[in-house]
Amino acid sequence: IGSQGIVQGTYETFNAVAEKHFGGSLKGRLCVTAGLGGMGGAQPLAITMAEGVCLAAEVEQWRAEKRVETRYLDYIETDLDTAIDRALECKANGENKSIGVICTAVKMLRRLKERGIVPDVLTDQTSAHDPLVGYLPEGLTNAEADVLRESNPAEYIDRSYASMVEHVQLMLDLQQMGAITFDYGNNLRGRALERGVKNAFDFPGFVPAYIRPL
């Protein structure tokens, strides 16, 4: 149903986080996520509608550019530290702005942890349900991924799973540091559990209404 069809439900999710943890508003709160595709593209607008700051990783620049064109996303950065600094500035100023950064979720979360920056809210909407086509393994460019996907799909999937393990572990680490952490029904935690992350379900999963059984 795409970004337009899910923006209300995504807003309601972030608004519920605000109601439960932050007194009804995400103003002055840093919300970190990844994935600006069809469904995930609703996140920046939903977060800023809830008065928060969004920092979102996206591996395909054209997707982020599309979100800017449709006014779902305010800014694009290609340098990770610049993106983080801009998000922190918006947080300090109480501005409800969204920043997309062109990198993997793993790379972004690693850097946040290295810098000791704990998001107020942490989630994810990468296409982890599709380890061959939807998820970009850490360490590959998009061009390299296209080649490996065709030449050795088994290796590609294996590398995707390895990245998902680190992805979930980083989310768990940031949760332990204080981030309100949840997944958004994309099976990321399930993939990590398959590869031995026994505490992969230590943060809750939210299943969007559009994929819940009737």
N, C-alpha and C. Protein backbone atom coordinates (compact mmCIF):
# COMPACT_ATOMS: atom_id res chain seq x y z
N ILE A 1 0.81 -1.21 0.00
CA ILE A 1 0.00 0.00 0.00
C ILE A 1 0.85 1.26 0.00
N GLY A 2 2.14 1.10 0.11
CA GLY A 2 3.07 2.23 -0.04
C GLY A 2 3.04 3.21 1.11
N SER A 3 3.88 4.24 0.97
CA SER A 3 4.05 5.22 2.05
C SER A 3 2.77 5.97 2.35
N GLN A 4 2.06 6.40 1.30
CA GLN A 4 0.86 7.19 1.52
C GLN A 4 -0.19 6.39 2.28
N GLY A 5 -0.29 5.09 1.97
CA GLY A 5 -1.30 4.26 2.60
C GLY A 5 -1.01 3.92 4.05
N ILE A 6 0.25 3.98 4.45
CA ILE A 6 0.60 3.54 5.80
C ILE A 6 1.04 4.68 6.71
N VAL A 7 1.09 5.90 6.21
CA VAL A 7 1.63 6.99 7.03
C VAL A 7 0.79 7.20 8.30
N GLN A 8 -0.54 7.05 8.21
CA GLN A 8 -1.36 7.25 9.40
C GLN A 8 -1.05 6.20 10.46
N GLY A 9 -0.96 4.92 10.04
CA GLY A 9 -0.65 3.87 11.00
C GLY A 9 0.73 4.02 11.60
N THR A 10 1.69 4.47 10.78
CA THR A 10 3.05 4.70 11.29
C THR A 10 3.06 5.85 12.29
N TYR A 11 2.32 6.92 11.96
CA TYR A 11 2.19 8.04 12.91
C TYR A 11 1.58 7.56 14.22
N GLU A 12 0.54 6.75 14.15
CA GLU A 12 -0.11 6.26 15.37
C GLU A 12 0.87 5.44 16.22
N THR A 13 1.75 4.70 15.55
CA THR A 13 2.75 3.92 16.29
C THR A 13 3.70 4.83 17.05
N PHE A 14 4.26 5.81 16.36
CA PHE A 14 5.20 6.72 17.03
C PHE A 14 4.49 7.60 18.06
N ASN A 15 3.25 7.95 17.79
CA ASN A 15 2.49 8.73 18.76
C ASN A 15 2.23 7.90 20.02
N ALA A 16 2.00 6.59 19.84
CA ALA A 16 1.82 5.72 20.99
C ALA A 16 3.09 5.63 21.83
N VAL A 17 4.24 5.60 21.16
CA VAL A 17 5.53 5.63 21.88
C VAL A 17 5.63 6.92 22.70
N ALA A 18 5.24 8.03 22.06
CA ALA A 18 5.29 9.33 22.75
C ALA A 18 4.37 9.34 23.96
N GLU A 19 3.17 8.80 23.81
CA GLU A 19 2.21 8.76 24.91
C GLU A 19 2.72 7.90 26.06
N LYS A 20 3.32 6.76 25.73
CA LYS A 20 3.73 5.80 26.75
C LYS A 20 5.01 6.23 27.47
N HIS A 21 5.94 6.86 26.74
CA HIS A 21 7.27 7.08 27.32
C HIS A 21 7.66 8.55 27.49
N PHE A 22 7.02 9.46 26.75
CA PHE A 22 7.54 10.83 26.71
C PHE A 22 6.47 11.89 26.94
N GLY A 23 5.42 11.54 27.64
CA GLY A 23 4.43 12.54 28.01
C GLY A 23 3.58 13.05 26.87
N GLY A 24 3.49 12.31 25.78
CA GLY A 24 2.56 12.66 24.71
C GLY A 24 3.17 13.32 23.49
N SER A 25 4.46 13.59 23.47
CA SER A 25 5.10 14.23 22.32
C SER A 25 6.52 13.72 22.18
N LEU A 26 7.00 13.67 20.93
CA LEU A 26 8.40 13.32 20.66
C LEU A 26 9.27 14.57 20.50
N LYS A 27 8.77 15.72 20.88
CA LYS A 27 9.54 16.96 20.76
C LYS A 27 10.84 16.85 21.56
N GLY A 28 11.96 17.15 20.88
CA GLY A 28 13.26 17.04 21.53
C GLY A 28 13.74 15.61 21.68
N ARG A 29 13.15 14.69 20.92
CA ARG A 29 13.53 13.27 21.00
C ARG A 29 14.12 12.83 19.66
N LEU A 30 15.18 12.03 19.73
CA LEU A 30 15.83 11.50 18.53
C LEU A 30 15.31 10.10 18.24
N CYS A 31 14.70 9.94 17.07
CA CYS A 31 14.16 8.65 16.64
C CYS A 31 15.02 8.13 15.49
N VAL A 32 15.60 6.97 15.68
CA VAL A 32 16.53 6.39 14.71
C VAL A 32 15.91 5.16 14.08
N THR A 33 16.03 5.06 12.76
CA THR A 33 15.46 3.93 12.05
C THR A 33 16.24 3.70 10.76
N ALA A 34 15.78 2.77 9.95
CA ALA A 34 16.41 2.50 8.66
C ALA A 34 15.36 1.96 7.70
N GLY A 35 15.58 2.22 6.42
CA GLY A 35 14.67 1.75 5.39
C GLY A 35 13.67 2.81 4.99
N LEU A 36 13.84 3.36 3.78
CA LEU A 36 12.92 4.39 3.28
C LEU A 36 12.22 3.92 2.01
N GLY A 37 11.95 2.62 1.95
CA GLY A 37 11.23 2.06 0.81
C GLY A 37 9.74 2.35 0.89
N GLY A 38 8.94 1.51 0.24
CA GLY A 38 7.51 1.77 0.13
C GLY A 38 6.80 1.98 1.45
N MET A 39 7.03 1.10 2.40
CA MET A 39 6.42 1.23 3.72
C MET A 39 7.28 2.11 4.63
N GLY A 40 8.58 1.83 4.67
CA GLY A 40 9.47 2.56 5.56
C GLY A 40 9.55 4.04 5.24
N GLY A 41 9.24 4.41 3.98
CA GLY A 41 9.30 5.81 3.60
C GLY A 41 8.33 6.69 4.35
N ALA A 42 7.34 6.10 5.02
CA ALA A 42 6.40 6.89 5.81
C ALA A 42 7.00 7.34 7.14
N GLN A 43 8.08 6.70 7.56
CA GLN A 43 8.60 6.96 8.91
C GLN A 43 9.03 8.40 9.16
N PRO A 44 9.81 9.03 8.25
CA PRO A 44 10.25 10.40 8.55
C PRO A 44 9.09 11.36 8.77
N LEU A 45 8.08 11.28 7.90
CA LEU A 45 6.93 12.17 8.03
C LEU A 45 6.16 11.86 9.31
N ALA A 46 5.96 10.57 9.60
CA ALA A 46 5.23 10.19 10.80
C ALA A 46 5.93 10.70 12.06
N ILE A 47 7.25 10.59 12.10
CA ILE A 47 8.01 11.02 13.28
C ILE A 47 7.93 12.53 13.44
N THR A 48 8.09 13.27 12.34
CA THR A 48 8.03 14.73 12.47
C THR A 48 6.60 15.19 12.78
N MET A 49 5.59 14.47 12.31
CA MET A 49 4.21 14.79 12.69
C MET A 49 4.00 14.62 14.19
N ALA A 50 4.76 13.67 14.78
CA ALA A 50 4.70 13.47 16.23
C ALA A 50 5.69 14.38 16.96
N GLU A 51 6.28 15.34 16.23
CA GLU A 51 7.14 16.40 16.75
C GLU A 51 8.57 15.96 17.05
N GLY A 52 8.95 14.77 16.58
CA GLY A 52 10.29 14.27 16.85
C GLY A 52 11.28 14.55 15.75
N VAL A 53 12.53 14.14 15.99
CA VAL A 53 13.61 14.21 15.01
C VAL A 53 13.84 12.80 14.47
N CYS A 54 13.90 12.67 13.17
CA CYS A 54 14.13 11.35 12.55
C CYS A 54 15.52 11.31 11.92
N LEU A 55 16.28 10.28 12.24
CA LEU A 55 17.54 9.96 11.56
C LEU A 55 17.37 8.57 10.97
N ALA A 56 17.37 8.49 9.64
CA ALA A 56 17.05 7.23 8.97
C ALA A 56 18.14 6.85 7.98
N ALA A 57 18.64 5.63 8.08
CA ALA A 57 19.60 5.10 7.11
C ALA A 57 18.87 4.53 5.91
N GLU A 58 19.42 4.77 4.74
CA GLU A 58 18.87 4.22 3.49
C GLU A 58 20.03 3.93 2.55
N VAL A 59 20.07 2.73 1.97
CA VAL A 59 21.21 2.34 1.15
C VAL A 59 21.10 2.80 -0.30
N GLU A 60 19.90 3.13 -0.74
CA GLU A 60 19.72 3.56 -2.12
C GLU A 60 19.35 5.04 -2.14
N GLN A 61 20.24 5.85 -2.66
CA GLN A 61 20.04 7.29 -2.61
C GLN A 61 18.77 7.72 -3.33
N TRP A 62 18.42 7.05 -4.41
CA TRP A 62 17.23 7.45 -5.17
C TRP A 62 15.97 7.34 -4.32
N ARG A 63 15.95 6.39 -3.39
CA ARG A 63 14.78 6.26 -2.52
C ARG A 63 14.67 7.47 -1.58
N ALA A 64 15.80 7.87 -1.03
CA ALA A 64 15.79 9.05 -0.16
C ALA A 64 15.40 10.29 -0.94
N GLU A 65 15.93 10.41 -2.16
CA GLU A 65 15.59 11.57 -2.99
C GLU A 65 14.09 11.62 -3.30
N LYS A 66 13.50 10.46 -3.51
CA LYS A 66 12.06 10.39 -3.75
C LYS A 66 11.29 10.90 -2.54
N ARG A 67 11.77 10.57 -1.34
CA ARG A 67 11.09 11.03 -0.12
C ARG A 67 11.20 12.54 0.05
N VAL A 68 12.32 13.09 -0.37
CA VAL A 68 12.46 14.56 -0.32
C VAL A 68 11.50 15.21 -1.33
N GLU A 69 11.43 14.65 -2.53
CA GLU A 69 10.56 15.19 -3.57
C GLU A 69 9.10 15.18 -3.15
N THR A 70 8.69 14.16 -2.42
CA THR A 70 7.30 14.04 -1.97
C THR A 70 7.08 14.64 -0.59
N ARG A 71 8.13 15.26 -0.03
CA ARG A 71 8.07 16.00 1.24
C ARG A 71 7.81 15.09 2.44
N TYR A 72 8.25 13.84 2.32
CA TYR A 72 8.23 12.94 3.48
C TYR A 72 9.53 13.05 4.27
N LEU A 73 10.57 13.57 3.65
CA LEU A 73 11.91 13.67 4.24
C LEU A 73 12.44 15.08 4.01
N ASP A 74 13.07 15.65 5.04
CA ASP A 74 13.55 17.03 4.92
C ASP A 74 14.93 17.14 4.29
N TYR A 75 15.90 16.30 4.72
CA TYR A 75 17.28 16.46 4.29
C TYR A 75 17.89 15.10 3.95
N ILE A 76 18.88 15.13 3.07
CA ILE A 76 19.70 13.95 2.78
C ILE A 76 21.15 14.31 3.07
N GLU A 77 21.86 13.41 3.75
CA GLU A 77 23.30 13.55 3.99
C GLU A 77 23.98 12.28 3.51
N THR A 78 25.18 12.44 2.95
CA THR A 78 25.97 11.27 2.55
C THR A 78 27.09 10.98 3.55
N ASP A 79 27.41 11.95 4.39
CA ASP A 79 28.42 11.75 5.43
C ASP A 79 27.71 11.43 6.74
N LEU A 80 28.05 10.30 7.33
CA LEU A 80 27.33 9.82 8.50
C LEU A 80 27.45 10.74 9.70
N ASP A 81 28.66 11.19 10.02
CA ASP A 81 28.82 12.07 11.18
C ASP A 81 28.09 13.40 10.99
N THR A 82 28.10 13.90 9.76
CA THR A 82 27.35 15.13 9.47
C THR A 82 25.87 14.93 9.72
N ALA A 83 25.35 13.78 9.29
CA ALA A 83 23.93 13.48 9.51
C ALA A 83 23.60 13.38 10.99
N ILE A 84 24.47 12.69 11.74
CA ILE A 84 24.24 12.55 13.18
C ILE A 84 24.29 13.91 13.86
N ASP A 85 25.27 14.72 13.50
CA ASP A 85 25.39 16.05 14.11
C ASP A 85 24.18 16.92 13.80
N ARG A 86 23.70 16.82 12.56
CA ARG A 86 22.52 17.61 12.19
C ARG A 86 21.30 17.16 12.99
N ALA A 87 21.15 15.86 13.17
CA ALA A 87 20.03 15.35 13.95
C ALA A 87 20.12 15.80 15.41
N LEU A 88 21.31 15.77 15.96
CA LEU A 88 21.49 16.20 17.35
C LEU A 88 21.21 17.70 17.50
N GLU A 89 21.57 18.47 16.49
CA GLU A 89 21.28 19.91 16.53
C GLU A 89 19.77 20.15 16.52
N CYS A 90 19.06 19.41 15.67
CA CYS A 90 17.60 19.53 15.64
C CYS A 90 16.98 19.12 16.97
N LYS A 91 17.50 18.05 17.56
CA LYS A 91 17.02 17.58 18.86
C LYS A 91 17.22 18.67 19.92
N ALA A 92 18.41 19.26 19.95
CA ALA A 92 18.71 20.29 20.95
C ALA A 92 17.83 21.51 20.78
N ASN A 93 17.47 21.83 19.52
CA ASN A 93 16.65 23.00 19.23
C ASN A 93 15.15 22.72 19.27
N GLY A 94 14.79 21.45 19.51
CA GLY A 94 13.37 21.10 19.54
C GLY A 94 12.69 21.17 18.19
N GLU A 95 13.48 21.01 17.11
CA GLU A 95 12.92 21.06 15.75
C GLU A 95 12.47 19.68 15.31
N ASN A 96 11.30 19.60 14.72
CA ASN A 96 10.82 18.33 14.19
C ASN A 96 11.23 18.20 12.73
N LYS A 97 12.44 17.69 12.51
CA LYS A 97 13.01 17.54 11.18
C LYS A 97 13.45 16.10 10.96
N SER A 98 13.60 15.74 9.68
CA SER A 98 14.02 14.37 9.33
C SER A 98 15.23 14.42 8.44
N ILE A 99 16.19 13.54 8.75
CA ILE A 99 17.45 13.46 8.02
C ILE A 99 17.64 12.02 7.53
N GLY A 100 17.82 11.87 6.24
CA GLY A 100 18.16 10.57 5.68
C GLY A 100 19.65 10.51 5.41
N VAL A 101 20.30 9.42 5.78
CA VAL A 101 21.73 9.27 5.55
C VAL A 101 21.96 8.04 4.68
N ILE A 102 22.79 8.19 3.67
CA ILE A 102 23.00 7.10 2.71
C ILE A 102 24.08 6.15 3.25
N CYS A 103 23.62 5.13 3.93
CA CYS A 103 24.51 4.10 4.49
C CYS A 103 23.64 2.96 4.99
N THR A 104 24.27 1.89 5.42
CA THR A 104 23.52 0.78 5.99
C THR A 104 23.11 1.08 7.43
N ALA A 105 22.10 0.37 7.89
CA ALA A 105 21.68 0.50 9.28
C ALA A 105 22.80 0.10 10.22
N VAL A 106 23.51 -0.96 9.89
CA VAL A 106 24.61 -1.43 10.73
C VAL A 106 25.67 -0.34 10.90
N LYS A 107 26.05 0.28 9.79
CA LYS A 107 27.07 1.32 9.85
C LYS A 107 26.60 2.49 10.72
N MET A 108 25.35 2.88 10.58
CA MET A 108 24.82 3.99 11.38
C MET A 108 24.78 3.63 12.86
N LEU A 109 24.28 2.44 13.19
CA LEU A 109 24.19 2.06 14.59
C LEU A 109 25.55 1.86 15.23
N ARG A 110 26.50 1.32 14.48
CA ARG A 110 27.88 1.21 14.97
C ARG A 110 28.41 2.58 15.38
N ARG A 111 28.19 3.56 14.50
CA ARG A 111 28.74 4.90 14.76
C ARG A 111 28.05 5.56 15.95
N LEU A 112 26.76 5.39 16.06
CA LEU A 112 26.05 5.94 17.23
C LEU A 112 26.61 5.34 18.52
N LYS A 113 26.83 4.03 18.51
CA LYS A 113 27.37 3.37 19.69
C LYS A 113 28.79 3.86 19.98
N GLU A 114 29.62 3.98 18.94
CA GLU A 114 30.99 4.46 19.12
C GLU A 114 31.02 5.85 19.74
N ARG A 115 30.08 6.68 19.33
CA ARG A 115 30.04 8.05 19.84
C ARG A 115 29.26 8.18 21.16
N GLY A 116 28.71 7.08 21.63
CA GLY A 116 27.96 7.11 22.88
C GLY A 116 26.65 7.85 22.78
N ILE A 117 26.07 7.87 21.58
CA ILE A 117 24.79 8.56 21.35
C ILE A 117 23.66 7.54 21.43
N VAL A 118 22.77 7.74 22.37
CA VAL A 118 21.67 6.80 22.59
C VAL A 118 20.38 7.42 22.03
N PRO A 119 19.78 6.81 21.02
CA PRO A 119 18.51 7.33 20.51
C PRO A 119 17.44 7.26 21.60
N ASP A 120 16.50 8.17 21.55
CA ASP A 120 15.35 8.06 22.44
C ASP A 120 14.45 6.93 21.98
N VAL A 121 14.32 6.78 20.66
CA VAL A 121 13.50 5.72 20.06
C VAL A 121 14.32 5.07 18.96
N LEU A 122 14.28 3.74 18.91
CA LEU A 122 15.05 2.99 17.91
C LEU A 122 14.18 1.90 17.31
N THR A 123 14.07 1.88 15.98
CA THR A 123 13.30 0.85 15.30
C THR A 123 13.94 0.56 13.95
N ASP A 124 13.22 -0.15 13.07
CA ASP A 124 13.81 -0.54 11.80
C ASP A 124 12.72 -0.95 10.82
N GLN A 125 12.87 -0.53 9.57
CA GLN A 125 11.99 -1.02 8.51
C GLN A 125 12.76 -1.39 7.25
N THR A 126 13.97 -1.93 7.43
CA THR A 126 14.65 -2.51 6.28
C THR A 126 13.90 -3.76 5.83
N SER A 127 14.15 -4.20 4.61
CA SER A 127 13.42 -5.36 4.08
C SER A 127 14.09 -6.66 4.50
N ALA A 128 14.16 -6.88 5.81
CA ALA A 128 14.83 -8.07 6.33
C ALA A 128 14.06 -9.35 6.04
N HIS A 129 12.78 -9.20 5.68
CA HIS A 129 12.00 -10.39 5.31
C HIS A 129 12.49 -11.00 4.00
N ASP A 130 13.28 -10.22 3.23
CA ASP A 130 13.77 -10.68 1.93
C ASP A 130 15.29 -10.56 1.89
N PRO A 131 16.01 -11.57 2.39
CA PRO A 131 17.46 -11.46 2.52
C PRO A 131 18.21 -11.46 1.20
N LEU A 132 17.56 -11.86 0.11
CA LEU A 132 18.25 -11.90 -1.18
C LEU A 132 18.10 -10.59 -1.95
N VAL A 133 16.90 -10.04 -1.97
CA VAL A 133 16.64 -8.85 -2.79
C VAL A 133 16.49 -7.59 -1.94
N GLY A 134 15.91 -7.73 -0.75
CA GLY A 134 15.55 -6.55 0.01
C GLY A 134 16.61 -6.00 0.94
N TYR A 135 17.57 -6.81 1.35
CA TYR A 135 18.52 -6.41 2.39
C TYR A 135 19.93 -6.34 1.79
N LEU A 136 20.64 -5.26 2.09
CA LEU A 136 22.01 -5.10 1.61
C LEU A 136 23.00 -5.54 2.68
N PRO A 137 23.80 -6.58 2.42
CA PRO A 137 24.78 -7.02 3.41
C PRO A 137 25.84 -5.95 3.66
N GLU A 138 26.29 -5.87 4.88
CA GLU A 138 27.34 -4.93 5.25
C GLU A 138 28.61 -5.25 4.47
N GLY A 139 29.29 -4.21 4.00
CA GLY A 139 30.55 -4.39 3.29
C GLY A 139 30.44 -4.45 1.79
N LEU A 140 29.21 -4.44 1.26
CA LEU A 140 29.02 -4.45 -0.19
C LEU A 140 28.43 -3.12 -0.65
N THR A 141 28.89 -2.64 -1.80
CA THR A 141 28.20 -1.53 -2.44
C THR A 141 26.96 -2.08 -3.14
N ASN A 142 26.09 -1.19 -3.58
CA ASN A 142 24.91 -1.65 -4.31
C ASN A 142 25.31 -2.38 -5.59
N ALA A 143 26.33 -1.87 -6.27
CA ALA A 143 26.78 -2.52 -7.51
C ALA A 143 27.35 -3.91 -7.23
N GLU A 144 28.15 -4.02 -6.18
CA GLU A 144 28.72 -5.32 -5.81
C GLU A 144 27.62 -6.29 -5.39
N ALA A 145 26.62 -5.77 -4.71
CA ALA A 145 25.51 -6.62 -4.28
C ALA A 145 24.74 -7.17 -5.48
N ASP A 146 24.54 -6.34 -6.50
CA ASP A 146 23.83 -6.80 -7.70
C ASP A 146 24.57 -7.95 -8.37
N VAL A 147 25.90 -7.85 -8.41
CA VAL A 147 26.70 -8.91 -9.04
C VAL A 147 26.63 -10.19 -8.21
N LEU A 148 26.83 -10.08 -6.90
CA LEU A 148 26.83 -11.26 -6.03
C LEU A 148 25.46 -11.92 -6.00
N ARG A 149 24.42 -11.13 -6.02
CA ARG A 149 23.05 -11.66 -5.99
C ARG A 149 22.81 -12.60 -7.17
N GLU A 150 23.38 -12.23 -8.32
CA GLU A 150 23.21 -13.05 -9.53
C GLU A 150 24.19 -14.22 -9.56
N SER A 151 25.44 -13.96 -9.15
CA SER A 151 26.48 -14.98 -9.31
C SER A 151 26.47 -16.03 -8.20
N ASN A 152 26.08 -15.64 -6.99
CA ASN A 152 26.12 -16.59 -5.87
C ASN A 152 25.06 -16.21 -4.84
N PRO A 153 23.80 -16.49 -5.13
CA PRO A 153 22.72 -16.10 -4.22
C PRO A 153 22.85 -16.70 -2.82
N ALA A 154 23.39 -17.90 -2.72
CA ALA A 154 23.55 -18.53 -1.40
C ALA A 154 24.51 -17.73 -0.53
N GLU A 155 25.63 -17.29 -1.13
CA GLU A 155 26.58 -16.46 -0.38
C GLU A 155 25.96 -15.12 0.00
N TYR A 156 25.19 -14.56 -0.93
CA TYR A 156 24.53 -13.28 -0.65
C TYR A 156 23.62 -13.41 0.57
N ILE A 157 22.80 -14.44 0.58
CA ILE A 157 21.87 -14.64 1.71
C ILE A 157 22.65 -14.85 3.00
N ASP A 158 23.74 -15.63 2.93
CA ASP A 158 24.56 -15.87 4.11
C ASP A 158 25.11 -14.55 4.66
N ARG A 159 25.56 -13.69 3.77
CA ARG A 159 26.10 -12.40 4.20
C ARG A 159 25.00 -11.49 4.75
N SER A 160 23.81 -11.58 4.17
CA SER A 160 22.67 -10.82 4.71
C SER A 160 22.37 -11.24 6.14
N TYR A 161 22.33 -12.55 6.36
CA TYR A 161 22.05 -13.04 7.71
C TYR A 161 23.12 -12.58 8.70
N ALA A 162 24.37 -12.62 8.28
CA ALA A 162 25.45 -12.18 9.16
C ALA A 162 25.27 -10.70 9.53
N SER A 163 24.86 -9.89 8.56
CA SER A 163 24.63 -8.47 8.84
C SER A 163 23.43 -8.29 9.77
N MET A 164 22.40 -9.08 9.57
CA MET A 164 21.22 -8.98 10.44
C MET A 164 21.55 -9.33 11.88
N VAL A 165 22.44 -10.29 12.06
CA VAL A 165 22.89 -10.63 13.42
C VAL A 165 23.51 -9.41 14.08
N GLU A 166 24.44 -8.75 13.39
CA GLU A 166 25.06 -7.56 13.96
C GLU A 166 24.04 -6.44 14.14
N HIS A 167 23.15 -6.30 13.18
CA HIS A 167 22.11 -5.28 13.23
C HIS A 167 21.28 -5.41 14.52
N VAL A 168 20.79 -6.62 14.77
CA VAL A 168 19.98 -6.85 15.97
C VAL A 168 20.81 -6.69 17.24
N GLN A 169 22.05 -7.17 17.22
CA GLN A 169 22.89 -7.04 18.41
C GLN A 169 23.14 -5.57 18.74
N LEU A 170 23.34 -4.74 17.73
CA LEU A 170 23.53 -3.32 17.97
C LEU A 170 22.26 -2.69 18.54
N MET A 171 21.11 -3.12 18.05
CA MET A 171 19.85 -2.62 18.60
C MET A 171 19.70 -3.03 20.06
N LEU A 172 20.08 -4.26 20.36
CA LEU A 172 20.04 -4.72 21.76
C LEU A 172 21.00 -3.92 22.63
N ASP A 173 22.19 -3.64 22.10
CA ASP A 173 23.17 -2.85 22.86
C ASP A 173 22.62 -1.46 23.16
N LEU A 174 22.03 -0.82 22.16
CA LEU A 174 21.49 0.53 22.36
C LEU A 174 20.26 0.50 23.26
N GLN A 175 19.51 -0.60 23.20
CA GLN A 175 18.40 -0.75 24.14
C GLN A 175 18.92 -0.80 25.57
N GLN A 176 19.99 -1.55 25.78
CA GLN A 176 20.58 -1.63 27.12
C GLN A 176 21.11 -0.27 27.58
N MET A 177 21.47 0.57 26.64
CA MET A 177 21.96 1.91 26.96
C MET A 177 20.82 2.90 27.20
N GLY A 178 19.57 2.46 26.93
CA GLY A 178 18.44 3.30 27.26
C GLY A 178 17.47 3.63 26.14
N ALA A 179 17.73 3.17 24.92
CA ALA A 179 16.82 3.46 23.80
C ALA A 179 15.54 2.65 23.90
N ILE A 180 14.40 3.29 23.66
CA ILE A 180 13.14 2.57 23.53
C ILE A 180 13.17 1.88 22.17
N THR A 181 13.21 0.55 22.16
CA THR A 181 13.56 -0.20 20.95
C THR A 181 12.46 -1.19 20.59
N PHE A 182 12.11 -1.22 19.31
CA PHE A 182 11.13 -2.19 18.82
C PHE A 182 11.35 -2.41 17.33
N ASP A 183 10.89 -3.56 16.83
CA ASP A 183 10.92 -3.74 15.38
C ASP A 183 9.52 -3.53 14.83
N TYR A 184 9.41 -3.47 13.52
CA TYR A 184 8.16 -3.07 12.89
C TYR A 184 7.65 -4.15 11.93
N GLY A 185 7.69 -5.39 12.39
CA GLY A 185 7.08 -6.45 11.63
C GLY A 185 7.83 -6.87 10.38
N ASN A 186 9.16 -6.65 10.34
CA ASN A 186 9.92 -6.98 9.13
C ASN A 186 10.74 -8.26 9.26
N ASN A 187 10.57 -9.01 10.35
CA ASN A 187 11.21 -10.30 10.60
C ASN A 187 12.71 -10.19 10.88
N LEU A 188 13.20 -8.99 11.17
CA LEU A 188 14.62 -8.82 11.47
C LEU A 188 15.05 -9.67 12.66
N ARG A 189 14.26 -9.64 13.72
CA ARG A 189 14.63 -10.41 14.92
C ARG A 189 14.58 -11.91 14.65
N GLY A 190 13.62 -12.34 13.83
CA GLY A 190 13.52 -13.75 13.50
C GLY A 190 14.74 -14.25 12.75
N ARG A 191 15.24 -13.44 11.82
CA ARG A 191 16.45 -13.82 11.08
C ARG A 191 17.64 -13.95 12.03
N ALA A 192 17.77 -12.99 12.95
CA ALA A 192 18.89 -13.05 13.90
C ALA A 192 18.77 -14.26 14.83
N LEU A 193 17.55 -14.57 15.24
CA LEU A 193 17.34 -15.74 16.09
C LEU A 193 17.76 -17.01 15.38
N GLU A 194 17.48 -17.10 14.08
CA GLU A 194 17.89 -18.27 13.30
C GLU A 194 19.40 -18.45 13.30
N ARG A 195 20.14 -17.37 13.45
CA ARG A 195 21.60 -17.44 13.45
C ARG A 195 22.19 -17.37 14.85
N GLY A 196 21.38 -17.67 15.85
CA GLY A 196 21.94 -17.88 17.18
C GLY A 196 21.87 -16.72 18.15
N VAL A 197 21.23 -15.61 17.77
CA VAL A 197 21.08 -14.50 18.72
C VAL A 197 19.90 -14.83 19.62
N LYS A 198 20.19 -15.51 20.72
CA LYS A 198 19.13 -16.08 21.55
C LYS A 198 18.26 -15.03 22.23
N ASN A 199 18.81 -13.82 22.41
CA ASN A 199 18.03 -12.75 23.03
C ASN A 199 17.46 -11.79 21.99
N ALA A 200 17.31 -12.27 20.74
CA ALA A 200 16.84 -11.40 19.66
C ALA A 200 15.45 -10.85 19.93
N PHE A 201 14.68 -11.54 20.77
CA PHE A 201 13.32 -11.09 21.05
C PHE A 201 13.23 -10.36 22.39
N ASP A 202 14.37 -9.86 22.86
CA ASP A 202 14.36 -9.10 24.11
C ASP A 202 13.80 -7.70 23.94
N PHE A 203 13.63 -7.24 22.69
CA PHE A 203 12.87 -6.02 22.49
C PHE A 203 11.60 -6.38 21.71
N PRO A 204 10.51 -5.64 21.94
CA PRO A 204 9.22 -6.03 21.36
C PRO A 204 9.15 -5.82 19.86
N GLY A 205 8.24 -6.54 19.25
CA GLY A 205 7.97 -6.35 17.84
C GLY A 205 6.56 -5.80 17.66
N PHE A 206 6.43 -4.83 16.79
CA PHE A 206 5.12 -4.29 16.47
C PHE A 206 4.72 -4.83 15.12
N VAL A 207 3.54 -5.46 15.03
CA VAL A 207 3.06 -5.99 13.76
C VAL A 207 2.03 -5.02 13.22
N PRO A 208 2.33 -4.33 12.13
CA PRO A 208 1.39 -3.35 11.58
C PRO A 208 0.06 -3.97 11.23
N ALA A 209 -1.00 -3.18 11.31
CA ALA A 209 -2.35 -3.68 11.08
C ALA A 209 -2.51 -4.32 9.71
N TYR A 210 -1.79 -3.79 8.71
CA TYR A 210 -1.99 -4.30 7.35
C TYR A 210 -1.45 -5.70 7.15
N ILE A 211 -0.66 -6.25 8.09
CA ILE A 211 -0.21 -7.63 7.94
C ILE A 211 -0.67 -8.52 9.10
N ARG A 212 -1.53 -7.99 9.96
CA ARG A 212 -2.09 -8.83 11.01
C ARG A 212 -3.17 -9.73 10.43
N PRO A 213 -3.27 -10.98 10.93
CA PRO A 213 -4.37 -11.84 10.48
C PRO A 213 -5.70 -11.30 10.98
N LEU A 214 -6.74 -11.49 10.17
CA LEU A 214 -8.07 -11.04 10.58
C LEU A 214 -8.65 -11.96 11.65
